[in-house]
Amino acid sequence: MKFEVLGKNGFTPTDAIKSYAEKRFNKVVSFFGPDVITEVRVVCKVYKDHHKIEVTIPAKGTVLRAEVSDPDMYAAIDKANDKLVAQIRKHKDKLKNNLEKEGIKQAYSQEFDAESLEKDILASQLVKSKKVELKPMTSEEAISAMELSGHDFYVYLDKETFRTNVVYRRDDGDYAIIETQPL
């Protein structure tokens, strides 16, 4: 398994922070089999008044993600770990069903041409560009993936129509779907 601890904003993680992060996030990895999670990426950022930890753990069929701020780096690592464990517990049944489906390896090892799916966005305020692999799934699976990623929206390929859809969380806490239509 590849375990990566990176620093940003002029911060270089010490060996103590790296070993502490690895020890803490191994608990999250232990919830899954050794072939499900192959990588853990931890980004440590330092600001004037706080530290920020961003953890991304790609697993087959889903991505676990947590982002936490705290005045203490070690406390931020602990909080990020707790947040990931809470996400796993909350979505335990959905994760179990998703990761144990018949043919999951074939379905998720399929390579999608991400460049043909991505459109270049030209804007003066663009601060980040991200490529995503669109995976065929139901709206319920997309909502689960959105919750696990910690984002307010999730882009996916509808399993029935094979059209790109977006599921998002509304301000009132409910979920909604934006369905695309060809011109």
N, C-alpha and C. Protein backbone atom coordinates (compact mmCIF):
# COMPACT_ATOMS: atom_id res chain seq x y z
N MET A 1 0.84 -1.19 0.00
CA MET A 1 0.00 0.00 0.00
C MET A 1 0.88 1.24 0.00
N LYS A 2 0.47 2.20 -0.77
CA LYS A 2 1.21 3.46 -0.88
C LYS A 2 0.63 4.45 0.14
N PHE A 3 1.46 4.91 1.05
CA PHE A 3 1.04 5.88 2.06
C PHE A 3 1.83 7.16 1.83
N GLU A 4 1.14 8.25 1.53
CA GLU A 4 1.80 9.49 1.14
C GLU A 4 1.37 10.62 2.08
N VAL A 5 2.33 11.29 2.71
CA VAL A 5 2.07 12.45 3.55
C VAL A 5 2.81 13.63 2.93
N LEU A 6 2.05 14.62 2.49
CA LEU A 6 2.62 15.78 1.81
C LEU A 6 2.39 17.04 2.62
N GLY A 7 3.23 18.03 2.41
CA GLY A 7 3.07 19.33 3.06
C GLY A 7 2.80 20.40 2.03
N LYS A 8 2.05 21.41 2.40
CA LYS A 8 1.76 22.55 1.53
C LYS A 8 1.98 23.83 2.32
N ASN A 9 2.00 24.95 1.61
CA ASN A 9 2.19 26.28 2.21
C ASN A 9 3.52 26.38 2.95
N GLY A 10 4.56 25.78 2.38
CA GLY A 10 5.88 25.87 2.98
C GLY A 10 6.12 24.91 4.14
N PHE A 11 5.22 23.99 4.37
CA PHE A 11 5.35 23.03 5.48
C PHE A 11 5.88 21.70 4.96
N THR A 12 6.86 21.16 5.63
CA THR A 12 7.39 19.84 5.32
C THR A 12 7.10 18.93 6.51
N PRO A 13 6.31 17.87 6.31
CA PRO A 13 5.97 16.99 7.44
C PRO A 13 7.20 16.29 8.00
N THR A 14 7.29 16.24 9.31
CA THR A 14 8.40 15.55 9.97
C THR A 14 8.13 14.04 9.95
N ASP A 15 9.15 13.27 10.26
CA ASP A 15 8.98 11.82 10.33
C ASP A 15 7.97 11.44 11.41
N ALA A 16 7.96 12.20 12.50
CA ALA A 16 7.01 11.93 13.59
C ALA A 16 5.57 12.11 13.11
N ILE A 17 5.31 13.18 12.35
CA ILE A 17 3.95 13.41 11.83
C ILE A 17 3.59 12.32 10.83
N LYS A 18 4.53 11.95 9.98
CA LYS A 18 4.27 10.91 8.98
C LYS A 18 3.92 9.58 9.65
N SER A 19 4.70 9.20 10.65
CA SER A 19 4.43 7.92 11.32
C SER A 19 3.13 7.97 12.12
N TYR A 20 2.83 9.13 12.73
CA TYR A 20 1.59 9.28 13.49
C TYR A 20 0.38 9.17 12.56
N ALA A 21 0.45 9.85 11.40
CA ALA A 21 -0.65 9.81 10.43
C ALA A 21 -0.84 8.39 9.91
N GLU A 22 0.26 7.73 9.59
CA GLU A 22 0.15 6.36 9.07
C GLU A 22 -0.48 5.43 10.09
N LYS A 23 -0.05 5.57 11.35
CA LYS A 23 -0.60 4.74 12.43
C LYS A 23 -2.10 4.99 12.59
N ARG A 24 -2.51 6.26 12.57
CA ARG A 24 -3.92 6.60 12.78
C ARG A 24 -4.80 6.15 11.61
N PHE A 25 -4.34 6.35 10.37
CA PHE A 25 -5.18 6.03 9.21
C PHE A 25 -5.14 4.55 8.85
N ASN A 26 -4.24 3.79 9.46
CA ASN A 26 -4.27 2.34 9.27
C ASN A 26 -5.54 1.75 9.85
N LYS A 27 -6.14 2.43 10.83
CA LYS A 27 -7.40 1.97 11.40
C LYS A 27 -8.50 2.00 10.34
N VAL A 28 -8.50 3.05 9.54
CA VAL A 28 -9.49 3.17 8.47
C VAL A 28 -9.24 2.08 7.42
N VAL A 29 -7.99 1.87 7.06
CA VAL A 29 -7.63 0.87 6.06
C VAL A 29 -8.00 -0.53 6.54
N SER A 30 -7.90 -0.76 7.85
CA SER A 30 -8.18 -2.09 8.40
C SER A 30 -9.65 -2.49 8.25
N PHE A 31 -10.55 -1.53 8.02
CA PHE A 31 -11.96 -1.86 7.80
C PHE A 31 -12.18 -2.58 6.47
N PHE A 32 -11.22 -2.48 5.57
CA PHE A 32 -11.34 -3.04 4.23
C PHE A 32 -10.28 -4.12 4.03
N GLY A 33 -10.45 -4.91 3.00
CA GLY A 33 -9.45 -5.92 2.67
C GLY A 33 -8.21 -5.26 2.08
N PRO A 34 -7.08 -5.98 2.06
CA PRO A 34 -5.82 -5.40 1.56
C PRO A 34 -5.85 -5.08 0.07
N ASP A 35 -6.74 -5.73 -0.69
CA ASP A 35 -6.81 -5.46 -2.12
C ASP A 35 -7.77 -4.33 -2.47
N VAL A 36 -8.53 -3.83 -1.50
CA VAL A 36 -9.52 -2.78 -1.76
C VAL A 36 -8.87 -1.39 -1.73
N ILE A 37 -8.02 -1.15 -0.74
CA ILE A 37 -7.36 0.16 -0.61
C ILE A 37 -5.88 -0.02 -0.91
N THR A 38 -5.41 0.72 -1.92
CA THR A 38 -4.01 0.61 -2.33
C THR A 38 -3.24 1.90 -2.06
N GLU A 39 -3.96 2.95 -1.66
CA GLU A 39 -3.30 4.25 -1.51
C GLU A 39 -4.01 5.09 -0.44
N VAL A 40 -3.22 5.80 0.34
CA VAL A 40 -3.73 6.80 1.29
C VAL A 40 -2.91 8.06 1.07
N ARG A 41 -3.61 9.18 0.86
CA ARG A 41 -2.92 10.45 0.62
C ARG A 41 -3.34 11.46 1.68
N VAL A 42 -2.36 11.98 2.40
CA VAL A 42 -2.61 12.97 3.45
C VAL A 42 -1.87 14.25 3.07
N VAL A 43 -2.60 15.35 3.03
CA VAL A 43 -2.00 16.65 2.73
C VAL A 43 -2.11 17.51 3.98
N CYS A 44 -0.96 17.99 4.47
CA CYS A 44 -0.91 18.84 5.66
C CYS A 44 -0.64 20.28 5.23
N LYS A 45 -1.51 21.18 5.65
CA LYS A 45 -1.34 22.59 5.32
C LYS A 45 -1.24 23.39 6.61
N VAL A 46 -0.37 24.39 6.60
CA VAL A 46 -0.18 25.23 7.78
C VAL A 46 -0.58 26.66 7.43
N TYR A 47 -1.42 27.24 8.28
CA TYR A 47 -1.83 28.63 8.14
C TYR A 47 -1.43 29.37 9.41
N LYS A 48 -1.65 30.67 9.44
CA LYS A 48 -1.26 31.47 10.62
C LYS A 48 -1.89 30.95 11.90
N ASP A 49 -3.19 30.70 11.86
CA ASP A 49 -3.92 30.38 13.09
C ASP A 49 -4.41 28.93 13.19
N HIS A 50 -4.15 28.11 12.16
CA HIS A 50 -4.61 26.72 12.24
C HIS A 50 -3.85 25.83 11.24
N HIS A 51 -4.03 24.54 11.42
CA HIS A 51 -3.49 23.52 10.53
C HIS A 51 -4.66 22.83 9.86
N LYS A 52 -4.47 22.42 8.62
CA LYS A 52 -5.53 21.73 7.90
C LYS A 52 -5.00 20.40 7.39
N ILE A 53 -5.79 19.35 7.57
CA ILE A 53 -5.46 18.01 7.09
C ILE A 53 -6.51 17.60 6.07
N GLU A 54 -6.05 17.16 4.89
CA GLU A 54 -6.95 16.63 3.86
C GLU A 54 -6.53 15.19 3.60
N VAL A 55 -7.46 14.26 3.78
CA VAL A 55 -7.16 12.84 3.59
C VAL A 55 -8.03 12.32 2.45
N THR A 56 -7.40 11.64 1.50
CA THR A 56 -8.11 11.01 0.39
C THR A 56 -7.69 9.55 0.32
N ILE A 57 -8.69 8.66 0.37
CA ILE A 57 -8.43 7.23 0.31
C ILE A 57 -9.30 6.64 -0.80
N PRO A 58 -8.70 6.45 -1.99
CA PRO A 58 -9.48 5.82 -3.05
C PRO A 58 -9.62 4.32 -2.79
N ALA A 59 -10.85 3.83 -2.84
CA ALA A 59 -11.13 2.40 -2.69
C ALA A 59 -11.92 1.97 -3.92
N LYS A 60 -11.97 0.69 -4.16
CA LYS A 60 -12.72 0.21 -5.32
C LYS A 60 -14.18 0.59 -5.17
N GLY A 61 -14.67 1.36 -6.11
CA GLY A 61 -16.08 1.73 -6.10
C GLY A 61 -16.41 2.98 -5.33
N THR A 62 -15.46 3.57 -4.59
CA THR A 62 -15.77 4.76 -3.81
C THR A 62 -14.48 5.50 -3.44
N VAL A 63 -14.64 6.70 -2.95
CA VAL A 63 -13.51 7.47 -2.45
C VAL A 63 -13.87 8.00 -1.07
N LEU A 64 -13.04 7.70 -0.09
CA LEU A 64 -13.24 8.23 1.26
C LEU A 64 -12.44 9.52 1.35
N ARG A 65 -13.05 10.56 1.92
CA ARG A 65 -12.36 11.84 1.99
C ARG A 65 -12.76 12.59 3.25
N ALA A 66 -11.77 13.25 3.86
CA ALA A 66 -12.04 14.08 5.04
C ALA A 66 -11.13 15.30 4.98
N GLU A 67 -11.67 16.41 5.44
CA GLU A 67 -10.92 17.66 5.49
C GLU A 67 -11.22 18.30 6.84
N VAL A 68 -10.16 18.54 7.65
CA VAL A 68 -10.35 19.01 9.02
C VAL A 68 -9.31 20.09 9.35
N SER A 69 -9.74 21.09 10.11
CA SER A 69 -8.83 22.15 10.59
C SER A 69 -8.77 22.12 12.11
N ASP A 70 -7.59 22.45 12.65
CA ASP A 70 -7.41 22.52 14.09
C ASP A 70 -6.12 23.30 14.37
N PRO A 71 -6.03 23.97 15.52
CA PRO A 71 -4.78 24.67 15.85
C PRO A 71 -3.58 23.72 16.02
N ASP A 72 -3.85 22.44 16.34
CA ASP A 72 -2.78 21.46 16.54
C ASP A 72 -2.80 20.43 15.42
N MET A 73 -1.65 20.16 14.80
CA MET A 73 -1.55 19.22 13.68
C MET A 73 -1.98 17.82 14.08
N TYR A 74 -1.54 17.35 15.25
CA TYR A 74 -1.88 16.00 15.70
C TYR A 74 -3.38 15.88 15.98
N ALA A 75 -3.96 16.91 16.55
CA ALA A 75 -5.40 16.91 16.81
C ALA A 75 -6.18 16.89 15.49
N ALA A 76 -5.68 17.60 14.48
CA ALA A 76 -6.33 17.60 13.16
C ALA A 76 -6.29 16.21 12.54
N ILE A 77 -5.16 15.51 12.71
CA ILE A 77 -5.05 14.13 12.20
C ILE A 77 -6.06 13.24 12.91
N ASP A 78 -6.17 13.38 14.24
CA ASP A 78 -7.14 12.59 15.00
C ASP A 78 -8.57 12.87 14.55
N LYS A 79 -8.89 14.15 14.36
CA LYS A 79 -10.24 14.52 13.93
C LYS A 79 -10.56 13.98 12.54
N ALA A 80 -9.58 14.02 11.63
CA ALA A 80 -9.79 13.49 10.28
C ALA A 80 -10.03 11.98 10.33
N ASN A 81 -9.27 11.29 11.17
CA ASN A 81 -9.46 9.86 11.35
C ASN A 81 -10.85 9.56 11.89
N ASP A 82 -11.27 10.30 12.91
CA ASP A 82 -12.60 10.11 13.49
C ASP A 82 -13.69 10.37 12.46
N LYS A 83 -13.49 11.38 11.64
CA LYS A 83 -14.48 11.72 10.60
C LYS A 83 -14.60 10.58 9.58
N LEU A 84 -13.48 10.01 9.17
CA LEU A 84 -13.51 8.89 8.22
C LEU A 84 -14.18 7.66 8.83
N VAL A 85 -13.86 7.36 10.08
CA VAL A 85 -14.47 6.21 10.76
C VAL A 85 -15.97 6.41 10.88
N ALA A 86 -16.41 7.63 11.19
CA ALA A 86 -17.84 7.93 11.29
C ALA A 86 -18.52 7.75 9.93
N GLN A 87 -17.87 8.20 8.85
CA GLN A 87 -18.43 8.01 7.51
C GLN A 87 -18.58 6.53 7.19
N ILE A 88 -17.57 5.75 7.52
CA ILE A 88 -17.62 4.32 7.24
C ILE A 88 -18.74 3.66 8.03
N ARG A 89 -18.85 4.01 9.31
CA ARG A 89 -19.92 3.42 10.13
C ARG A 89 -21.30 3.81 9.61
N LYS A 90 -21.45 5.07 9.24
CA LYS A 90 -22.74 5.57 8.75
C LYS A 90 -23.15 4.85 7.47
N HIS A 91 -22.19 4.57 6.61
CA HIS A 91 -22.49 3.99 5.31
C HIS A 91 -22.02 2.54 5.19
N LYS A 92 -21.91 1.86 6.35
CA LYS A 92 -21.35 0.51 6.40
C LYS A 92 -22.09 -0.45 5.45
N ASP A 93 -23.41 -0.48 5.53
CA ASP A 93 -24.16 -1.41 4.70
C ASP A 93 -24.05 -1.08 3.22
N LYS A 94 -24.12 0.22 2.91
CA LYS A 94 -24.01 0.62 1.51
C LYS A 94 -22.63 0.28 0.96
N LEU A 95 -21.59 0.54 1.76
CA LEU A 95 -20.23 0.21 1.34
C LEU A 95 -20.06 -1.29 1.16
N LYS A 96 -20.57 -2.05 2.11
CA LYS A 96 -20.43 -3.51 2.05
C LYS A 96 -21.10 -4.04 0.79
N ASN A 97 -22.32 -3.58 0.53
CA ASN A 97 -23.03 -4.03 -0.66
C ASN A 97 -22.30 -3.62 -1.93
N ASN A 98 -21.77 -2.41 -1.96
CA ASN A 98 -21.09 -1.90 -3.14
C ASN A 98 -19.79 -2.66 -3.41
N LEU A 99 -19.00 -2.92 -2.37
CA LEU A 99 -17.70 -3.53 -2.54
C LEU A 99 -17.77 -5.05 -2.72
N GLU A 100 -18.91 -5.66 -2.36
CA GLU A 100 -19.03 -7.12 -2.49
C GLU A 100 -19.89 -7.55 -3.66
N LYS A 101 -20.26 -6.63 -4.53
CA LYS A 101 -21.09 -6.99 -5.68
C LYS A 101 -20.36 -7.95 -6.59
N GLU A 102 -21.13 -8.81 -7.20
CA GLU A 102 -20.57 -9.75 -8.17
C GLU A 102 -20.00 -8.96 -9.34
N GLY A 103 -18.76 -9.23 -9.69
CA GLY A 103 -18.14 -8.56 -10.84
C GLY A 103 -17.63 -7.17 -10.55
N ILE A 104 -17.45 -6.79 -9.29
CA ILE A 104 -17.00 -5.42 -8.96
C ILE A 104 -15.63 -5.14 -9.56
N LYS A 105 -14.76 -6.12 -9.58
CA LYS A 105 -13.42 -5.90 -10.13
C LYS A 105 -13.49 -5.55 -11.60
N GLN A 106 -14.35 -6.25 -12.35
CA GLN A 106 -14.47 -5.96 -13.77
C GLN A 106 -15.11 -4.60 -13.99
N ALA A 107 -16.12 -4.29 -13.21
CA ALA A 107 -16.85 -3.04 -13.41
C ALA A 107 -15.99 -1.82 -13.09
N TYR A 108 -15.17 -1.91 -12.06
CA TYR A 108 -14.43 -0.74 -11.64
C TYR A 108 -12.98 -0.73 -12.12
N SER A 109 -12.53 -1.80 -12.74
CA SER A 109 -11.18 -1.75 -13.30
C SER A 109 -11.22 -1.27 -14.74
N GLN A 110 -12.42 -1.12 -15.28
CA GLN A 110 -12.58 -0.60 -16.63
C GLN A 110 -12.06 0.83 -16.69
N GLU A 111 -11.22 1.12 -17.66
CA GLU A 111 -10.67 2.46 -17.79
C GLU A 111 -11.57 3.31 -18.66
N PHE A 112 -11.99 4.43 -18.16
CA PHE A 112 -12.77 5.38 -18.93
C PHE A 112 -11.81 6.43 -19.47
N ASP A 113 -12.10 6.94 -20.65
CA ASP A 113 -11.27 7.97 -21.24
C ASP A 113 -11.67 9.30 -20.62
N ALA A 114 -11.01 9.68 -19.54
CA ALA A 114 -11.37 10.88 -18.79
C ALA A 114 -11.19 12.14 -19.61
N GLU A 115 -10.21 12.16 -20.51
CA GLU A 115 -9.98 13.37 -21.31
C GLU A 115 -11.12 13.65 -22.26
N SER A 116 -11.75 12.60 -22.78
CA SER A 116 -12.87 12.83 -23.68
C SER A 116 -14.11 13.27 -22.91
N LEU A 117 -14.16 12.95 -21.61
CA LEU A 117 -15.30 13.33 -20.79
C LEU A 117 -15.15 14.74 -20.22
N GLU A 118 -13.89 15.19 -20.12
CA GLU A 118 -13.66 16.50 -19.49
C GLU A 118 -13.69 17.59 -20.54
N LYS A 119 -14.35 18.70 -20.23
CA LYS A 119 -14.35 19.87 -21.10
C LYS A 119 -13.45 20.91 -20.47
N ASP A 120 -12.69 21.60 -21.32
CA ASP A 120 -11.83 22.66 -20.79
C ASP A 120 -12.69 23.84 -20.40
N ILE A 121 -12.50 24.32 -19.20
CA ILE A 121 -13.24 25.47 -18.70
C ILE A 121 -12.29 26.65 -18.69
N LEU A 122 -12.64 27.69 -19.43
CA LEU A 122 -11.81 28.88 -19.47
C LEU A 122 -12.48 29.96 -18.65
N ALA A 123 -11.87 30.30 -17.55
CA ALA A 123 -12.40 31.35 -16.69
C ALA A 123 -11.22 32.01 -15.98
N SER A 124 -11.34 33.28 -15.75
CA SER A 124 -10.24 33.99 -15.10
C SER A 124 -10.13 33.63 -13.62
N GLN A 125 -11.21 33.14 -13.01
CA GLN A 125 -11.21 32.83 -11.58
C GLN A 125 -11.04 31.34 -11.30
N LEU A 126 -10.73 30.54 -12.32
CA LEU A 126 -10.57 29.11 -12.13
C LEU A 126 -9.36 28.85 -11.24
N VAL A 127 -9.57 28.16 -10.14
CA VAL A 127 -8.48 27.91 -9.20
C VAL A 127 -8.09 26.44 -9.14
N LYS A 128 -8.94 25.54 -9.67
CA LYS A 128 -8.61 24.13 -9.63
C LYS A 128 -9.33 23.41 -10.76
N SER A 129 -8.64 22.49 -11.36
CA SER A 129 -9.22 21.66 -12.40
C SER A 129 -9.08 20.22 -11.95
N LYS A 130 -10.13 19.43 -12.10
CA LYS A 130 -10.10 18.07 -11.60
C LYS A 130 -10.70 17.14 -12.64
N LYS A 131 -10.05 16.00 -12.87
CA LYS A 131 -10.57 14.98 -13.78
C LYS A 131 -11.25 13.91 -12.95
N VAL A 132 -12.40 13.44 -13.40
CA VAL A 132 -13.11 12.39 -12.70
C VAL A 132 -13.44 11.27 -13.67
N GLU A 133 -13.46 10.06 -13.17
CA GLU A 133 -13.91 8.92 -13.95
C GLU A 133 -15.39 8.75 -13.69
N LEU A 134 -16.17 8.74 -14.74
CA LEU A 134 -17.60 8.55 -14.59
C LEU A 134 -17.89 7.07 -14.52
N LYS A 135 -18.52 6.65 -13.43
CA LYS A 135 -18.81 5.25 -13.22
C LYS A 135 -20.31 5.03 -13.32
N PRO A 136 -20.74 4.00 -14.02
CA PRO A 136 -22.18 3.71 -14.08
C PRO A 136 -22.68 3.32 -12.69
N MET A 137 -23.72 4.02 -12.22
CA MET A 137 -24.30 3.72 -10.91
C MET A 137 -25.72 4.25 -10.83
N THR A 138 -26.42 3.80 -9.82
CA THR A 138 -27.77 4.29 -9.57
C THR A 138 -27.69 5.59 -8.77
N SER A 139 -28.81 6.28 -8.67
CA SER A 139 -28.82 7.54 -7.92
C SER A 139 -28.53 7.29 -6.43
N GLU A 140 -28.99 6.16 -5.89
CA GLU A 140 -28.73 5.84 -4.49
C GLU A 140 -27.23 5.63 -4.26
N GLU A 141 -26.56 4.93 -5.19
CA GLU A 141 -25.13 4.72 -5.08
C GLU A 141 -24.37 6.04 -5.19
N ALA A 142 -24.86 6.95 -6.05
CA ALA A 142 -24.23 8.26 -6.22
C ALA A 142 -24.36 9.09 -4.94
N ILE A 143 -25.53 9.03 -4.30
CA ILE A 143 -25.73 9.76 -3.04
C ILE A 143 -24.77 9.22 -1.97
N SER A 144 -24.63 7.91 -1.92
CA SER A 144 -23.70 7.29 -0.97
C SER A 144 -22.27 7.73 -1.25
N ALA A 145 -21.87 7.73 -2.51
CA ALA A 145 -20.52 8.16 -2.88
C ALA A 145 -20.30 9.63 -2.54
N MET A 146 -21.33 10.46 -2.74
CA MET A 146 -21.24 11.88 -2.41
C MET A 146 -21.03 12.06 -0.91
N GLU A 147 -21.80 11.34 -0.11
CA GLU A 147 -21.68 11.44 1.35
C GLU A 147 -20.29 11.00 1.80
N LEU A 148 -19.77 9.93 1.21
CA LEU A 148 -18.45 9.44 1.59
C LEU A 148 -17.34 10.40 1.18
N SER A 149 -17.54 11.12 0.09
CA SER A 149 -16.50 12.05 -0.36
C SER A 149 -16.52 13.36 0.42
N GLY A 150 -17.64 13.65 1.10
CA GLY A 150 -17.73 14.87 1.88
C GLY A 150 -18.07 16.10 1.05
N HIS A 151 -18.45 15.91 -0.21
CA HIS A 151 -18.81 17.03 -1.07
C HIS A 151 -20.31 17.25 -1.06
N ASP A 152 -20.75 18.39 -1.63
CA ASP A 152 -22.18 18.71 -1.71
C ASP A 152 -22.79 18.22 -3.01
N PHE A 153 -21.98 17.70 -3.93
CA PHE A 153 -22.49 17.20 -5.20
C PHE A 153 -21.62 16.04 -5.66
N TYR A 154 -22.14 15.29 -6.64
CA TYR A 154 -21.38 14.16 -7.18
C TYR A 154 -21.80 13.95 -8.63
N VAL A 155 -20.83 13.83 -9.52
CA VAL A 155 -21.08 13.60 -10.94
C VAL A 155 -20.95 12.11 -11.20
N TYR A 156 -21.92 11.53 -11.92
CA TYR A 156 -21.89 10.10 -12.19
C TYR A 156 -22.57 9.79 -13.52
N LEU A 157 -22.37 8.56 -13.98
CA LEU A 157 -22.99 8.08 -15.20
C LEU A 157 -24.17 7.21 -14.79
N ASP A 158 -25.38 7.60 -15.21
CA ASP A 158 -26.58 6.87 -14.82
C ASP A 158 -26.53 5.45 -15.40
N LYS A 159 -26.80 4.46 -14.58
CA LYS A 159 -26.70 3.06 -14.96
C LYS A 159 -27.71 2.68 -16.04
N GLU A 160 -28.89 3.31 -16.03
CA GLU A 160 -29.93 2.94 -16.98
C GLU A 160 -29.84 3.73 -18.29
N THR A 161 -29.60 5.04 -18.20
CA THR A 161 -29.62 5.88 -19.39
C THR A 161 -28.23 6.13 -19.98
N PHE A 162 -27.19 5.84 -19.21
CA PHE A 162 -25.80 6.10 -19.60
C PHE A 162 -25.58 7.57 -19.96
N ARG A 163 -26.28 8.45 -19.24
CA ARG A 163 -26.09 9.89 -19.38
C ARG A 163 -25.43 10.41 -18.11
N THR A 164 -24.68 11.49 -18.27
CA THR A 164 -24.01 12.12 -17.13
C THR A 164 -25.05 12.86 -16.30
N ASN A 165 -25.08 12.57 -15.01
CA ASN A 165 -25.99 13.23 -14.07
C ASN A 165 -25.20 13.80 -12.90
N VAL A 166 -25.83 14.73 -12.20
CA VAL A 166 -25.25 15.31 -10.99
C VAL A 166 -26.27 15.19 -9.87
N VAL A 167 -25.85 14.59 -8.77
CA VAL A 167 -26.70 14.55 -7.58
C VAL A 167 -26.13 15.58 -6.60
N TYR A 168 -27.00 16.32 -5.91
CA TYR A 168 -26.52 17.33 -4.98
C TYR A 168 -27.44 17.43 -3.77
N ARG A 169 -26.87 17.97 -2.68
CA ARG A 169 -27.62 18.17 -1.44
C ARG A 169 -28.17 19.59 -1.44
N ARG A 170 -29.46 19.70 -1.26
CA ARG A 170 -30.12 21.00 -1.23
C ARG A 170 -29.92 21.65 0.13
N ASP A 171 -30.20 22.95 0.19
CA ASP A 171 -30.07 23.68 1.46
C ASP A 171 -30.99 23.14 2.55
N ASP A 172 -32.13 22.55 2.14
CA ASP A 172 -33.06 22.00 3.13
C ASP A 172 -32.68 20.60 3.59
N GLY A 173 -31.56 20.06 3.07
CA GLY A 173 -31.07 18.75 3.49
C GLY A 173 -31.51 17.62 2.59
N ASP A 174 -32.44 17.86 1.68
CA ASP A 174 -32.88 16.83 0.75
C ASP A 174 -31.88 16.72 -0.40
N TYR A 175 -32.07 15.71 -1.23
CA TYR A 175 -31.20 15.49 -2.39
C TYR A 175 -31.96 15.78 -3.67
N ALA A 176 -31.22 16.20 -4.69
CA ALA A 176 -31.82 16.45 -6.00
C ALA A 176 -30.85 15.97 -7.07
N ILE A 177 -31.39 15.72 -8.27
CA ILE A 177 -30.57 15.24 -9.39
C ILE A 177 -30.74 16.18 -10.57
N ILE A 178 -29.62 16.52 -11.20
CA ILE A 178 -29.64 17.24 -12.46
C ILE A 178 -29.36 16.21 -13.54
N GLU A 179 -30.33 16.00 -14.44
CA GLU A 179 -30.17 15.04 -15.52
C GLU A 179 -29.78 15.79 -16.79
N THR A 180 -28.84 15.25 -17.54
CA THR A 180 -28.41 15.89 -18.78
C THR A 180 -29.21 15.36 -19.96
N GLN A 181 -29.41 16.20 -20.95
CA GLN A 181 -30.10 15.84 -22.18
C GLN A 181 -29.23 16.24 -23.36
N PRO A 182 -29.11 15.38 -24.38
CA PRO A 182 -28.33 15.77 -25.56
C PRO A 182 -29.08 16.85 -26.34
N LEU A 183 -28.33 17.68 -27.06
CA LEU A 183 -28.94 18.74 -27.85
C LEU A 183 -29.51 18.21 -29.13
